[in-house]
Amino acid sequence: MGVAGSAIGRRRGGIEERAVVRLAEHLPADRGQDVVGVVVPEQEPVMMGSSGKEPLDRAAASSIRASTPFEPLPSAFSGPYIELRFIFLYNIPLNSQTAQ
């Protein structure tokens, strides 16, 4: 998992839970895929691939924002930052060709 992996792994469950909660608030039957990136330590999510559906985009970005701040990178991590990408699939099977 690597030096930064355990800290990031702990955060992942919270992000997934928050995405579900935010979608449930205004759950459309729409299908879509969002890709949200975040650079640690900067912490601000960036939409890297939009579903084109504002409620889905908003749910994905807000689930990341609600999970910040991420823990500081461990001192053993030698890079200046780590870039994370989260892929949100809405009503799309994992084996679908839409998910890349």
N, C-alpha and C. Protein backbone atom coordinates (compact mmCIF):
# COMPACT_ATOMS: atom_id res chain seq x y z
N MET A 1 0.83 -1.19 0.00
CA MET A 1 0.00 0.00 0.00
C MET A 1 0.87 1.25 0.00
N GLY A 2 2.07 1.19 0.52
CA GLY A 2 2.97 2.32 0.47
C GLY A 2 2.87 3.20 1.71
N VAL A 3 3.77 4.15 1.76
CA VAL A 3 3.89 5.02 2.93
C VAL A 3 2.63 5.84 3.16
N ALA A 4 2.12 6.47 2.11
CA ALA A 4 0.93 7.32 2.26
C ALA A 4 -0.36 6.52 2.16
N GLY A 5 -0.27 5.28 1.75
CA GLY A 5 -1.46 4.48 1.49
C GLY A 5 -2.37 4.25 2.67
N SER A 6 -1.81 4.03 3.86
CA SER A 6 -2.67 3.74 5.00
C SER A 6 -3.50 4.95 5.40
N ALA A 7 -2.91 6.14 5.36
CA ALA A 7 -3.65 7.36 5.69
C ALA A 7 -4.76 7.60 4.67
N ILE A 8 -4.45 7.38 3.42
CA ILE A 8 -5.43 7.58 2.35
C ILE A 8 -6.52 6.52 2.43
N GLY A 9 -6.14 5.29 2.73
CA GLY A 9 -7.12 4.22 2.85
C GLY A 9 -8.15 4.49 3.93
N ARG A 10 -7.71 5.07 5.04
CA ARG A 10 -8.64 5.41 6.11
C ARG A 10 -9.65 6.44 5.65
N ARG A 11 -9.25 7.33 4.78
CA ARG A 11 -10.11 8.41 4.30
C ARG A 11 -11.11 7.92 3.26
N ARG A 12 -10.74 6.88 2.50
CA ARG A 12 -11.56 6.41 1.38
C ARG A 12 -12.97 6.02 1.81
N GLY A 13 -13.09 5.29 2.91
CA GLY A 13 -14.41 4.86 3.37
C GLY A 13 -15.31 6.04 3.66
N GLY A 14 -14.76 7.09 4.25
CA GLY A 14 -15.55 8.28 4.53
C GLY A 14 -16.01 8.98 3.27
N ILE A 15 -15.17 9.00 2.27
CA ILE A 15 -15.52 9.63 0.99
C ILE A 15 -16.67 8.86 0.35
N GLU A 16 -16.56 7.54 0.34
CA GLU A 16 -17.63 6.73 -0.26
C GLU A 16 -18.95 6.93 0.48
N GLU A 17 -18.90 6.94 1.80
CA GLU A 17 -20.11 7.13 2.59
C GLU A 17 -20.73 8.50 2.33
N ARG A 18 -19.92 9.53 2.27
CA ARG A 18 -20.43 10.89 2.03
C ARG A 18 -21.02 11.02 0.63
N ALA A 19 -20.44 10.34 -0.35
CA ALA A 19 -20.99 10.40 -1.70
C ALA A 19 -22.39 9.81 -1.73
N VAL A 20 -22.59 8.70 -1.05
CA VAL A 20 -23.91 8.07 -1.01
C VAL A 20 -24.91 8.98 -0.31
N VAL A 21 -24.52 9.58 0.80
CA VAL A 21 -25.42 10.47 1.53
C VAL A 21 -25.79 11.67 0.68
N ARG A 22 -24.83 12.27 0.00
CA ARG A 22 -25.11 13.45 -0.81
C ARG A 22 -26.00 13.11 -2.01
N LEU A 23 -25.83 11.94 -2.56
CA LEU A 23 -26.70 11.52 -3.66
C LEU A 23 -28.11 11.25 -3.17
N ALA A 24 -28.22 10.67 -2.00
CA ALA A 24 -29.55 10.34 -1.47
C ALA A 24 -30.37 11.60 -1.22
N GLU A 25 -29.70 12.72 -1.00
CA GLU A 25 -30.41 13.98 -0.77
C GLU A 25 -31.19 14.42 -2.00
N HIS A 26 -30.70 14.08 -3.18
CA HIS A 26 -31.37 14.47 -4.43
C HIS A 26 -31.06 13.42 -5.49
N LEU A 27 -31.39 12.18 -5.15
CA LEU A 27 -31.02 11.06 -6.00
C LEU A 27 -31.76 11.06 -7.32
N PRO A 28 -31.05 11.37 -8.39
CA PRO A 28 -31.66 11.25 -9.71
C PRO A 28 -31.49 9.81 -10.20
N ALA A 29 -32.28 9.44 -11.14
CA ALA A 29 -32.14 8.12 -11.75
C ALA A 29 -31.12 8.18 -12.89
N ASP A 30 -30.46 9.31 -13.01
CA ASP A 30 -29.48 9.51 -14.08
C ASP A 30 -28.30 8.56 -13.95
N ARG A 31 -27.70 8.34 -15.10
CA ARG A 31 -26.44 7.61 -15.16
C ARG A 31 -25.36 8.62 -15.45
N GLY A 32 -24.18 8.37 -14.93
CA GLY A 32 -23.07 9.27 -15.21
C GLY A 32 -21.80 8.83 -14.54
N GLN A 33 -20.73 9.49 -14.91
CA GLN A 33 -19.42 9.22 -14.34
C GLN A 33 -18.72 10.54 -14.09
N ASP A 34 -18.19 10.70 -12.89
CA ASP A 34 -17.39 11.87 -12.54
C ASP A 34 -16.01 11.41 -12.14
N VAL A 35 -15.01 12.22 -12.43
CA VAL A 35 -13.66 11.99 -11.95
C VAL A 35 -13.25 13.25 -11.21
N VAL A 36 -12.95 13.10 -9.93
CA VAL A 36 -12.55 14.24 -9.11
C VAL A 36 -11.13 13.99 -8.63
N GLY A 37 -10.28 14.99 -8.82
CA GLY A 37 -8.90 14.89 -8.36
C GLY A 37 -8.68 15.80 -7.16
N VAL A 38 -7.75 15.42 -6.34
CA VAL A 38 -7.36 16.27 -5.21
C VAL A 38 -5.87 16.05 -4.98
N VAL A 39 -5.18 17.16 -4.74
CA VAL A 39 -3.75 17.11 -4.46
C VAL A 39 -3.56 17.33 -2.96
N VAL A 40 -2.86 16.41 -2.33
CA VAL A 40 -2.56 16.55 -0.90
C VAL A 40 -1.12 17.03 -0.83
N PRO A 41 -0.83 18.17 -0.23
CA PRO A 41 -1.54 18.78 0.85
C PRO A 41 -2.51 19.91 0.49
N GLU A 42 -2.67 20.32 -0.77
CA GLU A 42 -3.55 21.45 -1.08
C GLU A 42 -5.00 21.23 -0.71
N GLN A 43 -5.53 20.03 -0.94
CA GLN A 43 -6.84 19.61 -0.45
C GLN A 43 -8.07 20.05 -1.25
N GLU A 44 -7.98 20.96 -2.19
CA GLU A 44 -9.18 21.43 -2.90
C GLU A 44 -9.49 20.50 -4.07
N PRO A 45 -10.69 19.90 -4.11
CA PRO A 45 -11.04 18.99 -5.20
C PRO A 45 -11.20 19.72 -6.53
N VAL A 46 -10.80 19.04 -7.61
CA VAL A 46 -10.89 19.58 -8.96
C VAL A 46 -11.64 18.57 -9.82
N MET A 47 -12.68 19.03 -10.52
CA MET A 47 -13.44 18.15 -11.40
C MET A 47 -12.60 17.89 -12.65
N MET A 48 -12.19 16.65 -12.82
CA MET A 48 -11.34 16.28 -13.96
C MET A 48 -12.14 15.65 -15.08
N GLY A 49 -13.33 15.21 -14.79
CA GLY A 49 -14.21 14.63 -15.79
C GLY A 49 -15.64 14.72 -15.28
N SER A 50 -16.45 15.49 -15.94
CA SER A 50 -17.81 15.75 -15.49
C SER A 50 -18.80 14.79 -16.13
N SER A 51 -19.83 14.45 -15.37
CA SER A 51 -20.92 13.63 -15.90
C SER A 51 -21.82 14.48 -16.79
N GLY A 52 -21.70 15.81 -16.67
CA GLY A 52 -22.58 16.70 -17.40
C GLY A 52 -23.91 16.92 -16.69
N LYS A 53 -24.02 16.35 -15.50
CA LYS A 53 -25.26 16.46 -14.71
C LYS A 53 -24.90 17.09 -13.38
N GLU A 54 -25.37 18.31 -13.18
CA GLU A 54 -24.95 19.09 -12.03
C GLU A 54 -25.16 18.42 -10.68
N PRO A 55 -26.30 17.76 -10.42
CA PRO A 55 -26.45 17.09 -9.11
C PRO A 55 -25.40 16.01 -8.87
N LEU A 56 -25.04 15.27 -9.92
CA LEU A 56 -24.02 14.24 -9.76
C LEU A 56 -22.65 14.86 -9.53
N ASP A 57 -22.32 15.89 -10.32
CA ASP A 57 -21.03 16.58 -10.16
C ASP A 57 -20.91 17.17 -8.76
N ARG A 58 -21.97 17.80 -8.30
CA ARG A 58 -21.96 18.44 -6.98
C ARG A 58 -21.79 17.41 -5.87
N ALA A 59 -22.47 16.26 -5.99
CA ALA A 59 -22.36 15.20 -4.98
C ALA A 59 -20.93 14.66 -4.91
N ALA A 60 -20.31 14.47 -6.06
CA ALA A 60 -18.94 13.95 -6.08
C ALA A 60 -17.97 14.93 -5.44
N ALA A 61 -18.01 16.19 -5.86
CA ALA A 61 -17.09 17.19 -5.32
C ALA A 61 -17.32 17.43 -3.83
N SER A 62 -18.59 17.48 -3.41
CA SER A 62 -18.86 17.76 -2.01
C SER A 62 -18.47 16.59 -1.11
N SER A 63 -18.50 15.36 -1.62
CA SER A 63 -18.07 14.24 -0.80
C SER A 63 -16.57 14.31 -0.52
N ILE A 64 -15.81 14.85 -1.46
CA ILE A 64 -14.37 15.03 -1.23
C ILE A 64 -14.17 16.18 -0.23
N ARG A 65 -14.83 17.30 -0.47
CA ARG A 65 -14.69 18.46 0.43
C ARG A 65 -15.05 18.09 1.88
N ALA A 66 -16.09 17.30 2.05
CA ALA A 66 -16.53 16.91 3.39
C ALA A 66 -15.54 15.97 4.07
N SER A 67 -14.64 15.38 3.30
CA SER A 67 -13.66 14.44 3.85
C SER A 67 -12.33 15.10 4.15
N THR A 68 -12.17 16.37 3.81
CA THR A 68 -10.93 17.06 4.09
C THR A 68 -11.01 17.68 5.48
N PRO A 69 -9.93 17.96 6.12
CA PRO A 69 -8.57 17.83 5.57
C PRO A 69 -8.06 16.40 5.65
N PHE A 70 -7.29 16.04 4.65
CA PHE A 70 -6.60 14.77 4.68
C PHE A 70 -5.45 14.88 5.67
N GLU A 71 -5.05 13.76 6.20
CA GLU A 71 -3.93 13.77 7.13
C GLU A 71 -2.67 14.23 6.41
N PRO A 72 -1.75 14.87 7.12
CA PRO A 72 -0.49 15.27 6.49
C PRO A 72 0.23 14.04 5.93
N LEU A 73 0.98 14.25 4.88
CA LEU A 73 1.76 13.15 4.32
C LEU A 73 2.81 12.71 5.34
N PRO A 74 3.04 11.42 5.45
CA PRO A 74 4.04 10.93 6.41
C PRO A 74 5.43 11.48 6.10
N SER A 75 6.24 11.65 7.12
CA SER A 75 7.59 12.18 6.92
C SER A 75 8.43 11.26 6.04
N ALA A 76 8.11 9.97 6.00
CA ALA A 76 8.85 9.03 5.15
C ALA A 76 8.51 9.19 3.67
N PHE A 77 7.43 9.92 3.36
CA PHE A 77 7.06 10.16 1.96
C PHE A 77 7.99 11.23 1.42
N SER A 78 8.68 10.92 0.32
CA SER A 78 9.74 11.81 -0.17
C SER A 78 9.27 12.85 -1.18
N GLY A 79 8.06 12.74 -1.69
CA GLY A 79 7.59 13.69 -2.69
C GLY A 79 6.99 14.93 -2.06
N PRO A 80 6.78 15.99 -2.88
CA PRO A 80 6.20 17.23 -2.35
C PRO A 80 4.68 17.13 -2.18
N TYR A 81 4.04 16.23 -2.93
CA TYR A 81 2.58 16.08 -2.87
C TYR A 81 2.21 14.72 -3.45
N ILE A 82 0.94 14.38 -3.28
CA ILE A 82 0.40 13.19 -3.92
C ILE A 82 -0.94 13.59 -4.54
N GLU A 83 -1.15 13.17 -5.77
CA GLU A 83 -2.41 13.48 -6.46
C GLU A 83 -3.30 12.25 -6.45
N LEU A 84 -4.51 12.44 -5.96
CA LEU A 84 -5.48 11.35 -5.89
C LEU A 84 -6.59 11.60 -6.89
N ARG A 85 -7.12 10.53 -7.47
CA ARG A 85 -8.27 10.64 -8.37
C ARG A 85 -9.34 9.67 -7.88
N PHE A 86 -10.54 10.19 -7.76
CA PHE A 86 -11.67 9.39 -7.32
C PHE A 86 -12.66 9.32 -8.48
N ILE A 87 -13.07 8.11 -8.82
CA ILE A 87 -14.02 7.91 -9.90
C ILE A 87 -15.37 7.54 -9.28
N PHE A 88 -16.38 8.30 -9.64
CA PHE A 88 -17.74 8.08 -9.14
C PHE A 88 -18.58 7.57 -10.30
N LEU A 89 -19.13 6.38 -10.16
CA LEU A 89 -20.01 5.79 -11.17
C LEU A 89 -21.42 5.82 -10.63
N TYR A 90 -22.32 6.44 -11.34
CA TYR A 90 -23.71 6.56 -10.92
C TYR A 90 -24.58 5.69 -11.81
N ASN A 91 -25.13 4.63 -11.22
CA ASN A 91 -26.02 3.71 -11.95
C ASN A 91 -25.35 3.11 -13.18
N ILE A 92 -24.05 2.88 -13.08
CA ILE A 92 -23.28 2.27 -14.15
C ILE A 92 -22.58 1.05 -13.56
N PRO A 93 -22.75 -0.12 -14.13
CA PRO A 93 -22.05 -1.29 -13.61
C PRO A 93 -20.54 -1.13 -13.73
N LEU A 94 -19.80 -1.70 -12.80
CA LEU A 94 -18.34 -1.59 -12.82
C LEU A 94 -17.73 -2.15 -14.08
N ASN A 95 -18.34 -3.14 -14.70
CA ASN A 95 -17.78 -3.74 -15.90
C ASN A 95 -18.22 -3.05 -17.19
N SER A 96 -18.91 -1.90 -17.06
CA SER A 96 -19.40 -1.18 -18.23
C SER A 96 -18.24 -0.54 -18.98
N GLN A 97 -18.39 -0.39 -20.27
CA GLN A 97 -17.36 0.26 -21.08
C GLN A 97 -17.27 1.76 -20.77
N THR A 98 -18.29 2.35 -20.16
CA THR A 98 -18.26 3.76 -19.80
C THR A 98 -17.20 4.02 -18.72
N ALA A 99 -17.01 3.07 -17.82
CA ALA A 99 -16.03 3.23 -16.75
C ALA A 99 -14.64 2.89 -17.29
N GLN A 100 -13.79 3.89 -17.33
CA GLN A 100 -12.45 3.68 -17.89
C GLN A 100 -11.39 4.01 -16.88
